[in-house]
Amino acid sequence: MDEKLRALLDQIPEKPPRSKLEPYLEVIRELRRKGRTYQEIAQFFGEHLKVTVAASTIHAFVQVRARRRARRPEIELPPSPEPAETAPVVGNKEVVRSTDAEAWERIEAVKRRQSPEKAPEAKFEYDESKPLQLASGTNQGGKPA
């Protein structure tokens, strides 16, 4: 940034907080961490800090700050480096680098792969008129006898 502009910005004083709750932000967060309701926090402020505030005001104060935290700017990542002609060696193993297209092809191949057709063995037999029982041919642990 230009030095003249930086000097001008440094001369501008900061605005005072718009909310009377701003100095107590950490107190509110700590009380919320301890499971206190907004009503209990309002009572705490009245009794201990001599600050009269409604529970709905504390709620709105907390919600505005939560939205601000969620809107933090995304970090711009540097572009990924071009794949090298020779694969690097880590320890005594060669690291395999692949392009995105190759990776997607491998993922699609895994998805197309057939799962084994072997059906799981029934461990219980169900009959509405009888209690639940182990399937015939299994022992107490549910494993084939």
Foldseek 3Di string as FASTA:
>chain_A
DDPVVVVVVVPDDDDDDPDPCVVVVVVLVVCVVVVDALQVVQVCCCPPVVDHDDSVVSVVVVVVVVVVVVPPDDDDDDDDDDDDPAFDDDDNRGDDDDDPVVVVVVVVVVVPDDDDPDDDDAQWDDDPVDDIDGDPQADPVSHGD
